[in-house]
Every structure is written in structure tokens, then in C-alpha cells.
Amino acid sequence: MAKSKKFKSGFVAIVGRPNVGKSTLMNQIIGQKIAIMSDKPQTTRNKIHGVYTSEEMQIVFLDTPGIHKRQSKLGDFMNSTALNTLGEVEAVLFLVDAAEGLGGGDRFIAERLKEVRTPVILVLNKIDRIVPEQLLPMIDEYRKLHDFAEIIPISAKMGNNVDTLLEQISKYLPQGPQYYPDDQITDHPEQFVCAELIREKILNLTREEVPHSIAVSIEDMRVESNGFVRMSAVIFVERDSQKGIIIGKQGALLKEVGKLARHDIENLLGSKIFLELWVKVKKDWRNQDRVLKDLGFHRDA
């Protein structure tokens, strides 16, 4: 790909309360699933680095965990990760849910954004779920919260106005180098993305307290002589009862998790996958610093 002589590059954070579509937007921009999606809040736990490259620019997106009221040490980690990101970037995308309208969580985040000097672009997502007449009054309401650099309505799911958003972001990027090759879409190792895809399937197939009590670790991943990738993953839960729920009757739910995850992982890696899943209990892992560290939840991540 021939690059412009005035090539721009930089880092952009995506922040917002849980479940406003941050991961959906990231995947829409990148054109491939690297961040997991679920209708359950607090799906994203780590900063996900997505890389968008064109002839004119390269944007490294940081999809941060949703900022929310903490309930555990894991919750502390998620909040501090999101807020610490804001000082490291060229611009901040403050994503809100137009279908739900202005809420207390949005006000809380807007107050925190006043502490940073980084330009903040307000992105009103899910406009496909409102009537056009609702948009201008909503924009006026949000304008009172913060002096936004830009206000852009989009639908991350449908792709509406996402190109306009990218054009506006480019205004805030300095001239700079291309940090990643043209074909690289994330700086996370493949094992991390594979573990997240497995966790997504569990989130979508379980309910109640189970989703927040799970973590996934890829224990082994190797290419065999026939070109297949053999992968072994452990699903950690906090209680024996949760282990039974995830395995399901006669192993049915775990088999479904494996089937759905294998499909996405094969698309990601471009290879046939042999996937083994195990479920283990780690009591109260979300409040144990050592376990959180072992599972990759570092405050400086």
C-alpha cells in the first residue's frame, strides 16, 4: 500500500459506560472481530488494541473496559485501566447510547473527562434505534456536560457514519510513523484473542452471576504436522455450582461453547482448530491479586 507523504498516526481511546457498543465500534472499524461482544455489561476487561491502517493514516484504538461502579478488585482494575488510558492518547472517543439517552453513568464519565486535556469526541451510537427528531435535542443535552471537540452520531452495528468519524479523528493525529504492518489488526497475542472469543460464547450462553465469574486461559497452542492448530483452554469459575452450569447437562453447554468458539477462532487464524476445553474452580478469583495477575489483569497493562 503506497503511503501518503504526510502520513499521520496516533492513539485513540474509546471510553463509555458498559454496553454502549465500544467493542462493536472497534470491530466495525477494523473489519474483523478482535473485541468480544455481549449484551451483558462489563464484557471487556483489558485494553484491547485495534489497528486501523489506510494510505493516509494509522490509528491504534484502545477499547477500554466500561467505567462502572466497582464491586470487586477486578472492578477496580477495570476502572483504573479505563481512566489511566486517557492521558496516553491523541484523542478520546466518548461513546454513548443514543437509544437509552443521557444517564448517570454518562455524567460520571463526562466529569472525569474534564480532568484531561486530550480532545474529546462525543460519539452518539445506536442512532439506528431512534427517530431523527430525537437527535438534535439529545445533542443539546450532551453539549451541557463538556466542551466536546466534535459530536458525531453513528451506528456501529450498521456502519452508518463510521467513515465520517474516521475523517474527524484524522484531524487530531500528528504526522508520524506507521507503527504496525498493513495487515496487523491488533497487538495482542493470538492466544489472548482466542481466550476472549471463548469467553464471549460463555457470556452469550449463560446468565445471572456466571458471566462475571469466568476467566479463560489458553494453556497450550501448537501447530501439528497436518496444519491443524491444537488448542487447550481452561475456563475458571469461582464456585462448584458454576462449573456445573458451564459444563451443562451431559456436557451439552460446554460442547456448544466449543463449537461456536472454534468457528470464530478458525476465521481468526485461517486454520482448522482442534479445541479442548476444561473447567476449573478458583474460589473468589476476582478478589485475589495473585490470581488476577496470573490471568493477565495487570494495573499497568
C-alpha atoms as a PDB file:
ATOM      1  CA  MET A   1       0.000   0.000   0.000  1.00  0.00           C
ATOM      2  CA  ALA A   2       1.510   3.342  -1.104  1.00  0.00           C
ATOM      3  CA  LYS A   3       1.516   5.748   1.804  1.00  0.00           C
ATOM      4  CA  SER A   4       0.922   9.492   1.751  1.00  0.00           C
ATOM      5  CA  LYS A   5       3.991  11.714   2.281  1.00  0.00           C
ATOM      6  CA  LYS A   6       2.033  13.398   5.066  1.00  0.00           C
ATOM      7  CA  PHE A   7       1.189  10.132   6.810  1.00  0.00           C
ATOM      8  CA  LYS A   8      -0.469  10.536  10.217  1.00  0.00           C
ATOM      9  CA  SER A   9      -0.532   8.174  13.155  1.00  0.00           C
ATOM     10  CA  GLY A  10      -1.604   8.125  16.768  1.00  0.00           C
ATOM     11  CA  PHE A  11      -3.520   6.504  19.597  1.00  0.00           C
ATOM     12  CA  VAL A  12      -7.230   6.948  20.299  1.00  0.00           C
ATOM     13  CA  ALA A  13      -9.097   5.722  23.387  1.00  0.00           C
ATOM     14  CA  ILE A  14     -12.710   4.581  23.285  1.00  0.00           C
ATOM     15  CA  VAL A  15     -14.442   5.186  26.631  1.00  0.00           C
ATOM     16  CA  GLY A  16     -18.011   4.912  27.835  1.00  0.00           C
ATOM     17  CA  ARG A  17     -20.191   3.178  30.331  1.00  0.00           C
ATOM     18  CA  PRO A  18     -20.685  -0.575  29.930  1.00  0.00           C
ATOM     19  CA  ASN A  19     -22.659  -1.937  26.999  1.00  0.00           C
ATOM     20  CA  VAL A  20     -22.749   1.184  24.801  1.00  0.00           C
ATOM     21  CA  GLY A  21     -21.095  -0.572  21.828  1.00  0.00           C
ATOM     22  CA  LYS A  22     -17.373   0.121  22.248  1.00  0.00           C
ATOM     23  CA  SER A  23     -16.314  -3.346  21.083  1.00  0.00           C
ATOM     24  CA  THR A  24     -18.839  -3.284  18.223  1.00  0.00           C
ATOM     25  CA  LEU A  25     -17.342   0.007  17.007  1.00  0.00           C
ATOM     26  CA  MET A  26     -13.805  -1.347  17.231  1.00  0.00           C
ATOM     27  CA  ASN A  27     -14.709  -4.440  15.222  1.00  0.00           C
ATOM     28  CA  GLN A  28     -16.605  -2.361  12.632  1.00  0.00           C
ATOM     29  CA  ILE A  29     -13.587  -0.072  12.080  1.00  0.00           C
ATOM     30  CA  ILE A  30     -11.038  -2.889  11.965  1.00  0.00           C
ATOM     31  CA  GLY A  31     -13.261  -5.082   9.790  1.00  0.00           C
ATOM     32  CA  GLN A  32     -12.701  -8.220  11.859  1.00  0.00           C
ATOM     33  CA  LYS A  33     -13.702  -9.417  15.310  1.00  0.00           C
ATOM     34  CA  ILE A  34     -10.911  -8.737  17.823  1.00  0.00           C
ATOM     35  CA  ALA A  35     -13.027  -7.480  20.735  1.00  0.00           C
ATOM     36  CA  ILE A  36     -15.801  -9.656  22.128  1.00  0.00           C
ATOM     37  CA  MET A  37     -19.415  -8.564  22.126  1.00  0.00           C
ATOM     38  CA  SER A  38     -22.220  -9.428  24.523  1.00  0.00           C
ATOM     39  CA  ASP A  39     -25.425  -7.869  25.797  1.00  0.00           C
ATOM     40  CA  LYS A  40     -24.068  -8.239  29.338  1.00  0.00           C
ATOM     41  CA  PRO A  41     -22.283  -5.258  30.929  1.00  0.00           C
ATOM     42  CA  GLN A  42     -18.545  -5.269  31.698  1.00  0.00           C
ATOM     43  CA  THR A  43     -17.747  -7.662  28.867  1.00  0.00           C
ATOM     44  CA  THR A  44     -14.381  -6.010  28.102  1.00  0.00           C
ATOM     45  CA  ARG A  45     -11.809  -6.360  30.909  1.00  0.00           C
ATOM     46  CA  ASN A  46      -8.474  -5.413  29.333  1.00  0.00           C
ATOM     47  CA  LYS A  47      -7.461  -2.607  26.997  1.00  0.00           C
ATOM     48  CA  ILE A  48      -7.884  -4.046  23.512  1.00  0.00           C
ATOM     49  CA  HIS A  49      -5.510  -2.559  20.940  1.00  0.00           C
ATOM     50  CA  GLY A  50      -7.058  -2.463  17.455  1.00  0.00           C
ATOM     51  CA  VAL A  51      -5.074  -1.141  14.495  1.00  0.00           C
ATOM     52  CA  TYR A  52      -6.697   0.678  11.565  1.00  0.00           C
ATOM     53  CA  THR A  53      -4.423   1.440   8.597  1.00  0.00           C
ATOM     54  CA  SER A  54      -5.145   3.368   5.392  1.00  0.00           C
ATOM     55  CA  GLU A  55      -2.969   5.149   2.810  1.00  0.00           C
ATOM     56  CA  GLU A  56      -3.190   8.363   4.837  1.00  0.00           C
ATOM     57  CA  MET A  57      -3.049   7.250   8.470  1.00  0.00           C
ATOM     58  CA  GLN A  58      -2.758   4.577  11.111  1.00  0.00           C
ATOM     59  CA  ILE A  59      -4.917   4.725  14.240  1.00  0.00           C
ATOM     60  CA  VAL A  60      -4.230   2.476  17.212  1.00  0.00           C
ATOM     61  CA  PHE A  61      -7.515   2.193  19.112  1.00  0.00           C
ATOM     62  CA  LEU A  62      -7.628   1.350  22.800  1.00  0.00           C
ATOM     63  CA  ASP A  63     -11.009  -0.215  23.629  1.00  0.00           C
ATOM     64  CA  THR A  64     -11.115   0.242  27.393  1.00  0.00           C
ATOM     65  CA  PRO A  65     -13.267  -1.568  29.957  1.00  0.00           C
ATOM     66  CA  GLY A  66     -16.573   0.178  30.657  1.00  0.00           C
ATOM     67  CA  ILE A  67     -16.338   2.607  33.579  1.00  0.00           C
ATOM     68  CA  HIS A  68     -18.771   1.484  36.260  1.00  0.00           C
ATOM     69  CA  LYS A  69     -19.430   1.278  39.981  1.00  0.00           C
ATOM     70  CA  ARG A  70     -16.856  -1.155  41.359  1.00  0.00           C
ATOM     71  CA  GLN A  71     -17.847  -4.344  43.153  1.00  0.00           C
ATOM     72  CA  SER A  72     -14.538  -6.213  43.380  1.00  0.00           C
ATOM     73  CA  LYS A  73     -10.790  -5.845  42.876  1.00  0.00           C
ATOM     74  CA  LEU A  74     -11.410  -6.810  39.265  1.00  0.00           C
ATOM     75  CA  GLY A  75     -13.815  -3.851  39.097  1.00  0.00           C
ATOM     76  CA  ASP A  76     -11.082  -1.566  40.485  1.00  0.00           C
ATOM     77  CA  PHE A  77      -8.708  -2.843  37.807  1.00  0.00           C
ATOM     78  CA  MET A  78     -11.258  -2.202  35.042  1.00  0.00           C
ATOM     79  CA  ASN A  79     -11.980   1.377  36.174  1.00  0.00           C
ATOM     80  CA  SER A  80      -8.333   2.358  36.663  1.00  0.00           C
ATOM     81  CA  THR A  81      -7.395   0.858  33.282  1.00  0.00           C
ATOM     82  CA  ALA A  82     -10.053   2.912  31.514  1.00  0.00           C
ATOM     83  CA  LEU A  83      -9.231   6.210  33.246  1.00  0.00           C
ATOM     84  CA  ASN A  84      -5.434   5.859  33.058  1.00  0.00           C
ATOM     85  CA  THR A  85      -5.676   5.452  29.297  1.00  0.00           C
ATOM     86  CA  LEU A  86      -6.966   8.979  28.782  1.00  0.00           C
ATOM     87  CA  GLY A  87      -3.599  10.661  29.293  1.00  0.00           C
ATOM     88  CA  GLU A  88      -1.819   8.412  26.773  1.00  0.00           C
ATOM     89  CA  VAL A  89      -3.661   9.269  23.557  1.00  0.00           C
ATOM     90  CA  GLU A  90      -4.186  11.887  20.822  1.00  0.00           C
ATOM     91  CA  ALA A  91      -7.978  11.828  21.149  1.00  0.00           C
ATOM     92  CA  VAL A  92     -10.734  10.261  23.237  1.00  0.00           C
ATOM     93  CA  LEU A  93     -13.954   8.875  21.782  1.00  0.00           C
ATOM     94  CA  PHE A  94     -16.693   9.193  24.405  1.00  0.00           C
ATOM     95  CA  LEU A  95     -19.258   6.658  23.229  1.00  0.00           C
ATOM     96  CA  VAL A  96     -22.848   6.961  24.470  1.00  0.00           C
ATOM     97  CA  ASP A  97     -26.029   5.013  23.769  1.00  0.00           C
ATOM     98  CA  ALA A  98     -28.473   7.254  21.880  1.00  0.00           C
ATOM     99  CA  ALA A  99     -31.242   4.689  22.316  1.00  0.00           C
ATOM    100  CA  GLU A 100     -31.017   4.933  26.107  1.00  0.00           C
ATOM    101  CA  GLY A 101     -30.259   8.649  26.336  1.00  0.00           C
ATOM    102  CA  LEU A 102     -28.243  10.566  28.912  1.00  0.00           C
ATOM    103  CA  GLY A 103     -27.773   8.690  32.196  1.00  0.00           C
ATOM    104  CA  GLY A 104     -25.881   8.935  35.459  1.00  0.00           C
ATOM    105  CA  GLY A 105     -23.019   6.829  34.116  1.00  0.00           C
ATOM    106  CA  ASP A 106     -22.521   9.263  31.235  1.00  0.00           C
ATOM    107  CA  ARG A 107     -22.470  12.206  33.658  1.00  0.00           C
ATOM    108  CA  PHE A 108     -19.854  10.461  35.824  1.00  0.00           C
ATOM    109  CA  ILE A 109     -17.565   9.826  32.850  1.00  0.00           C
ATOM    110  CA  ALA A 110     -18.063  13.362  31.490  1.00  0.00           C
ATOM    111  CA  GLU A 111     -16.875  14.746  34.844  1.00  0.00           C
ATOM    112  CA  ARG A 112     -13.736  12.606  34.675  1.00  0.00           C
ATOM    113  CA  LEU A 113     -13.078  13.766  31.106  1.00  0.00           C
ATOM    114  CA  LYS A 114     -12.833  17.360  32.337  1.00  0.00           C
ATOM    115  CA  GLU A 115      -9.575  16.345  34.048  1.00  0.00           C
ATOM    116  CA  VAL A 116      -7.819  15.555  30.746  1.00  0.00           C
ATOM    117  CA  ARG A 117      -6.540  17.966  28.109  1.00  0.00           C
ATOM    118  CA  THR A 118      -6.959  15.458  25.295  1.00  0.00           C
ATOM    119  CA  PRO A 119      -9.608  16.403  22.674  1.00  0.00           C
ATOM    120  CA  VAL A 120     -12.836  14.505  23.375  1.00  0.00           C
ATOM    121  CA  ILE A 121     -15.109  13.475  20.502  1.00  0.00           C
ATOM    122  CA  LEU A 122     -18.667  12.639  21.553  1.00  0.00           C
ATOM    123  CA  VAL A 123     -19.945   9.644  19.570  1.00  0.00           C
ATOM    124  CA  LEU A 124     -23.706   9.060  19.771  1.00  0.00           C
ATOM    125  CA  ASN A 125     -24.055   5.363  18.950  1.00  0.00           C
ATOM    126  CA  LYS A 126     -27.125   3.289  18.019  1.00  0.00           C
ATOM    127  CA  ILE A 127     -28.823   6.041  16.006  1.00  0.00           C
ATOM    128  CA  ASP A 128     -30.479   3.236  14.023  1.00  0.00           C
ATOM    129  CA  ARG A 129     -32.677   2.721  17.094  1.00  0.00           C
ATOM    130  CA  ILE A 130     -34.059   6.280  17.387  1.00  0.00           C
ATOM    131  CA  VAL A 131     -36.109   8.578  15.170  1.00  0.00           C
ATOM    132  CA  PRO A 132     -34.231  11.540  13.592  1.00  0.00           C
ATOM    133  CA  GLU A 133     -36.271  14.095  15.543  1.00  0.00           C
ATOM    134  CA  GLN A 134     -34.732  12.850  18.799  1.00  0.00           C
ATOM    135  CA  LEU A 135     -31.164  13.569  17.745  1.00  0.00           C
ATOM    136  CA  LEU A 136     -30.813  17.367  17.975  1.00  0.00           C
ATOM    137  CA  PRO A 137     -32.397  17.702  21.448  1.00  0.00           C
ATOM    138  CA  MET A 138     -30.130  14.877  22.622  1.00  0.00           C
ATOM    139  CA  ILE A 139     -27.023  16.605  21.246  1.00  0.00           C
ATOM    140  CA  ASP A 140     -28.009  19.828  23.038  1.00  0.00           C
ATOM    141  CA  GLU A 141     -28.358  17.880  26.291  1.00  0.00           C
ATOM    142  CA  TYR A 142     -24.898  16.318  25.999  1.00  0.00           C
ATOM    143  CA  ARG A 143     -23.308  19.654  24.994  1.00  0.00           C
ATOM    144  CA  LYS A 144     -24.008  20.937  28.512  1.00  0.00           C
ATOM    145  CA  LEU A 145     -21.762  18.243  30.011  1.00  0.00           C
ATOM    146  CA  HIS A 146     -18.481  19.037  28.266  1.00  0.00           C
ATOM    147  CA  ASP A 147     -16.805  21.181  25.620  1.00  0.00           C
ATOM    148  CA  PHE A 148     -16.576  18.420  23.014  1.00  0.00           C
ATOM    149  CA  ALA A 149     -14.156  18.801  20.101  1.00  0.00           C
ATOM    150  CA  GLU A 150     -16.665  17.081  17.777  1.00  0.00           C
ATOM    151  CA  ILE A 151     -20.107  15.475  18.087  1.00  0.00           C
ATOM    152  CA  ILE A 152     -20.759  12.627  15.662  1.00  0.00           C
ATOM    153  CA  PRO A 153     -23.850  10.364  15.511  1.00  0.00           C
ATOM    154  CA  ILE A 154     -23.204   6.807  14.254  1.00  0.00           C
ATOM    155  CA  SER A 155     -24.468   3.261  14.208  1.00  0.00           C
ATOM    156  CA  ALA A 156     -21.505   0.992  14.982  1.00  0.00           C
ATOM    157  CA  LYS A 157     -23.610  -2.087  14.267  1.00  0.00           C
ATOM    158  CA  MET A 158     -24.807  -0.916  10.831  1.00  0.00           C
ATOM    159  CA  GLY A 159     -21.661   1.079   9.954  1.00  0.00           C
ATOM    160  CA  ASN A 160     -23.578   4.348   9.475  1.00  0.00           C
ATOM    161  CA  ASN A 161     -21.315   7.441   9.573  1.00  0.00           C
ATOM    162  CA  VAL A 162     -18.253   5.463  10.722  1.00  0.00           C
ATOM    163  CA  ASP A 163     -16.232   6.791   7.752  1.00  0.00           C
ATOM    164  CA  THR A 164     -17.098  10.350   8.845  1.00  0.00           C
ATOM    165  CA  LEU A 165     -15.893   9.509  12.350  1.00  0.00           C
ATOM    166  CA  LEU A 166     -12.537   8.328  10.974  1.00  0.00           C
ATOM    167  CA  GLU A 167     -12.187  11.540   8.937  1.00  0.00           C
ATOM    168  CA  GLN A 168     -12.792  13.641  12.060  1.00  0.00           C
ATOM    169  CA  ILE A 169     -10.302  11.618  14.108  1.00  0.00           C
ATOM    170  CA  SER A 170      -7.618  12.243  11.474  1.00  0.00           C
ATOM    171  CA  LYS A 171      -7.774  15.992  12.255  1.00  0.00           C
ATOM    172  CA  TYR A 172      -6.291  15.308  15.699  1.00  0.00           C
ATOM    173  CA  LEU A 173      -3.488  12.970  14.615  1.00  0.00           C
ATOM    174  CA  PRO A 174       0.055  14.312  14.184  1.00  0.00           C
ATOM    175  CA  GLN A 175       2.287  13.362  11.282  1.00  0.00           C
ATOM    176  CA  GLY A 176       4.061  10.228  12.397  1.00  0.00           C
ATOM    177  CA  PRO A 177       5.352   6.750  11.589  1.00  0.00           C
ATOM    178  CA  GLN A 178       3.426   3.614  10.772  1.00  0.00           C
ATOM    179  CA  TYR A 179       3.698   1.610  13.998  1.00  0.00           C
ATOM    180  CA  TYR A 180       2.347  -1.696  12.682  1.00  0.00           C
ATOM    181  CA  PRO A 181       2.407  -3.527   9.311  1.00  0.00           C
ATOM    182  CA  ASP A 182      -0.541  -3.047   6.937  1.00  0.00           C
ATOM    183  CA  ASP A 183      -2.068  -6.436   7.735  1.00  0.00           C
ATOM    184  CA  GLN A 184      -1.758  -6.288  11.540  1.00  0.00           C
ATOM    185  CA  ILE A 185      -5.091  -5.535  13.245  1.00  0.00           C
ATOM    186  CA  THR A 186      -4.177  -5.965  16.922  1.00  0.00           C
ATOM    187  CA  ASP A 187      -1.060  -6.023  19.080  1.00  0.00           C
ATOM    188  CA  HIS A 188      -2.457  -8.676  21.400  1.00  0.00           C
ATOM    189  CA  PRO A 189      -1.069 -12.204  21.000  1.00  0.00           C
ATOM    190  CA  GLU A 190      -3.343 -14.684  19.232  1.00  0.00           C
ATOM    191  CA  GLN A 191      -3.790 -16.601  22.498  1.00  0.00           C
ATOM    192  CA  PHE A 192      -5.387 -13.554  24.137  1.00  0.00           C
ATOM    193  CA  VAL A 193      -7.897 -13.040  21.320  1.00  0.00           C
ATOM    194  CA  CYS A 194      -8.722 -16.777  21.239  1.00  0.00           C
ATOM    195  CA  ALA A 195      -9.357 -16.787  25.006  1.00  0.00           C
ATOM    196  CA  GLU A 196     -11.627 -13.761  24.613  1.00  0.00           C
ATOM    197  CA  LEU A 197     -13.613 -15.447  21.827  1.00  0.00           C
ATOM    198  CA  ILE A 198     -14.209 -18.464  24.089  1.00  0.00           C
ATOM    199  CA  ARG A 199     -15.299 -16.165  26.926  1.00  0.00           C
ATOM    200  CA  GLU A 200     -17.717 -14.392  24.580  1.00  0.00           C
ATOM    201  CA  LYS A 201     -19.525 -17.667  23.845  1.00  0.00           C
ATOM    202  CA  ILE A 202     -19.926 -18.392  27.560  1.00  0.00           C
ATOM    203  CA  LEU A 203     -21.263 -14.867  28.154  1.00  0.00           C
ATOM    204  CA  ASN A 204     -23.838 -15.363  25.420  1.00  0.00           C
ATOM    205  CA  LEU A 205     -24.947 -18.828  26.578  1.00  0.00           C
ATOM    206  CA  THR A 206     -25.140 -18.279  30.361  1.00  0.00           C
ATOM    207  CA  ARG A 207     -26.974 -15.828  32.585  1.00  0.00           C
ATOM    208  CA  GLU A 208     -27.222 -14.387  36.105  1.00  0.00           C
ATOM    209  CA  GLU A 209     -23.981 -14.367  38.144  1.00  0.00           C
ATOM    210  CA  VAL A 210     -21.957 -16.732  35.953  1.00  0.00           C
ATOM    211  CA  PRO A 211     -20.646 -14.263  33.289  1.00  0.00           C
ATOM    212  CA  HIS A 212     -18.671 -12.095  35.738  1.00  0.00           C
ATOM    213  CA  SER A 213     -17.278 -15.169  37.491  1.00  0.00           C
ATOM    214  CA  ILE A 214     -15.427 -16.603  34.497  1.00  0.00           C
ATOM    215  CA  ALA A 215     -11.968 -16.180  33.054  1.00  0.00           C
ATOM    216  CA  VAL A 216     -10.350 -18.115  30.211  1.00  0.00           C
ATOM    217  CA  SER A 217      -6.694 -19.066  29.858  1.00  0.00           C
ATOM    218  CA  ILE A 218      -5.081 -20.730  26.817  1.00  0.00           C
ATOM    219  CA  GLU A 219      -2.823 -23.378  28.365  1.00  0.00           C
ATOM    220  CA  ASP A 220      -1.420 -24.840  25.134  1.00  0.00           C
ATOM    221  CA  MET A 221      -1.462 -23.859  21.462  1.00  0.00           C
ATOM    222  CA  ARG A 222       0.602 -25.573  18.784  1.00  0.00           C
ATOM    223  CA  VAL A 223       0.512 -26.336  15.051  1.00  0.00           C
ATOM    224  CA  GLU A 224       0.530 -30.032  14.174  1.00  0.00           C
ATOM    225  CA  SER A 225       2.140 -31.646  11.129  1.00  0.00           C
ATOM    226  CA  ASN A 226      -1.187 -31.751   9.259  1.00  0.00           C
ATOM    227  CA  GLY A 227      -1.561 -27.950   9.643  1.00  0.00           C
ATOM    228  CA  PHE A 228      -4.274 -28.186  12.321  1.00  0.00           C
ATOM    229  CA  VAL A 229      -3.886 -25.984  15.388  1.00  0.00           C
ATOM    230  CA  ARG A 230      -4.329 -27.914  18.640  1.00  0.00           C
ATOM    231  CA  MET A 231      -5.516 -25.641  21.460  1.00  0.00           C
ATOM    232  CA  SER A 232      -6.245 -26.382  25.098  1.00  0.00           C
ATOM    233  CA  ALA A 233      -8.121 -23.786  27.175  1.00  0.00           C
ATOM    234  CA  VAL A 234      -9.156 -23.651  30.830  1.00  0.00           C
ATOM    235  CA  ILE A 235     -12.326 -21.868  31.906  1.00  0.00           C
ATOM    236  CA  PHE A 236     -12.026 -20.657  35.510  1.00  0.00           C
ATOM    237  CA  VAL A 237     -15.096 -20.179  37.713  1.00  0.00           C
ATOM    238  CA  GLU A 238     -15.483 -19.243  41.382  1.00  0.00           C
ATOM    239  CA  ARG A 239     -17.828 -21.966  42.629  1.00  0.00           C
ATOM    240  CA  ASP A 240     -18.593 -25.648  42.028  1.00  0.00           C
ATOM    241  CA  SER A 241     -22.187 -24.779  41.107  1.00  0.00           C
ATOM    242  CA  GLN A 242     -20.924 -22.514  38.314  1.00  0.00           C
ATOM    243  CA  LYS A 243     -18.752 -25.324  36.974  1.00  0.00           C
ATOM    244  CA  GLY A 244     -21.866 -27.470  36.610  1.00  0.00           C
ATOM    245  CA  ILE A 245     -23.720 -24.682  34.785  1.00  0.00           C
ATOM    246  CA  ILE A 246     -20.922 -24.161  32.244  1.00  0.00           C
ATOM    247  CA  ILE A 247     -20.493 -27.886  31.572  1.00  0.00           C
ATOM    248  CA  GLY A 248     -24.270 -28.279  31.236  1.00  0.00           C
ATOM    249  CA  LYS A 249     -26.394 -31.420  31.139  1.00  0.00           C
ATOM    250  CA  GLN A 250     -24.248 -34.260  29.761  1.00  0.00           C
ATOM    251  CA  GLY A 251     -21.674 -31.638  28.710  1.00  0.00           C
ATOM    252  CA  ALA A 252     -24.096 -30.002  26.251  1.00  0.00           C
ATOM    253  CA  LEU A 253     -23.343 -26.340  27.042  1.00  0.00           C
ATOM    254  CA  LEU A 254     -19.571 -26.808  27.016  1.00  0.00           C
ATOM    255  CA  LYS A 255     -19.826 -28.572  23.631  1.00  0.00           C
ATOM    256  CA  GLU A 256     -21.839 -25.642  22.261  1.00  0.00           C
ATOM    257  CA  VAL A 257     -19.236 -23.166  23.591  1.00  0.00           C
ATOM    258  CA  GLY A 258     -16.519 -25.179  21.847  1.00  0.00           C
ATOM    259  CA  LYS A 259     -18.425 -25.379  18.571  1.00  0.00           C
ATOM    260  CA  LEU A 260     -19.155 -21.626  18.402  1.00  0.00           C
ATOM    261  CA  ALA A 261     -15.666 -20.596  19.573  1.00  0.00           C
ATOM    262  CA  ARG A 262     -13.966 -22.938  17.119  1.00  0.00           C
ATOM    263  CA  HIS A 263     -15.801 -21.252  14.220  1.00  0.00           C
ATOM    264  CA  ASP A 264     -14.574 -17.754  15.192  1.00  0.00           C
ATOM    265  CA  ILE A 265     -11.044 -18.932  16.026  1.00  0.00           C
ATOM    266  CA  GLU A 266     -10.738 -20.688  12.653  1.00  0.00           C
ATOM    267  CA  ASN A 267     -11.757 -17.432  10.949  1.00  0.00           C
ATOM    268  CA  LEU A 268      -9.174 -15.549  13.010  1.00  0.00           C
ATOM    269  CA  LEU A 269      -6.265 -17.937  12.429  1.00  0.00           C
ATOM    270  CA  GLY A 270      -7.182 -19.222   8.961  1.00  0.00           C
ATOM    271  CA  SER A 271      -6.573 -22.812  10.098  1.00  0.00           C
ATOM    272  CA  LYS A 272      -8.600 -25.798  11.238  1.00  0.00           C
ATOM    273  CA  ILE A 273      -8.758 -25.988  15.037  1.00  0.00           C
ATOM    274  CA  PHE A 274      -8.857 -28.888  17.462  1.00  0.00           C
ATOM    275  CA  LEU A 275     -10.116 -27.256  20.664  1.00  0.00           C
ATOM    276  CA  GLU A 276     -10.139 -28.839  24.121  1.00  0.00           C
ATOM    277  CA  LEU A 277     -11.994 -27.058  26.938  1.00  0.00           C
ATOM    278  CA  TRP A 278     -11.637 -27.705  30.671  1.00  0.00           C
ATOM    279  CA  VAL A 279     -13.490 -26.081  33.568  1.00  0.00           C
ATOM    280  CA  LYS A 280     -11.721 -25.447  36.908  1.00  0.00           C
ATOM    281  CA  VAL A 281     -12.784 -23.776  40.145  1.00  0.00           C
ATOM    282  CA  LYS A 282     -10.682 -20.917  41.590  1.00  0.00           C
ATOM    283  CA  LYS A 283     -12.536 -19.698  44.658  1.00  0.00           C
ATOM    284  CA  ASP A 284     -13.267 -15.935  44.648  1.00  0.00           C
ATOM    285  CA  TRP A 285     -10.609 -15.318  41.963  1.00  0.00           C
ATOM    286  CA  ARG A 286     -11.861 -11.780  41.213  1.00  0.00           C
ATOM    287  CA  ASN A 287     -10.639 -10.576  44.633  1.00  0.00           C
ATOM    288  CA  GLN A 288      -7.259 -12.347  44.706  1.00  0.00           C
ATOM    289  CA  ASP A 289      -4.403 -10.174  43.465  1.00  0.00           C
ATOM    290  CA  ARG A 290      -2.157 -13.118  42.617  1.00  0.00           C
ATOM    291  CA  VAL A 291      -4.826 -14.925  40.604  1.00  0.00           C
ATOM    292  CA  LEU A 292      -5.755 -11.713  38.764  1.00  0.00           C
ATOM    293  CA  LYS A 293      -2.101 -11.242  37.842  1.00  0.00           C
ATOM    294  CA  ASP A 294      -1.787 -14.862  36.645  1.00  0.00           C
ATOM    295  CA  LEU A 295      -4.834 -14.361  34.427  1.00  0.00           C
ATOM    296  CA  GLY A 296      -3.351 -11.218  32.853  1.00  0.00           C
ATOM    297  CA  PHE A 297      -5.163  -8.454  34.757  1.00  0.00           C
ATOM    298  CA  HIS A 298      -2.270  -6.073  35.472  1.00  0.00           C
ATOM    299  CA  ARG A 299      -2.906  -2.495  36.562  1.00  0.00           C
ATOM    300  CA  ASP A 300      -0.148  -1.339  34.231  1.00  0.00           C
ATOM    301  CA  ALA A 301      -1.387  -3.418  31.311  1.00  0.00           C
END
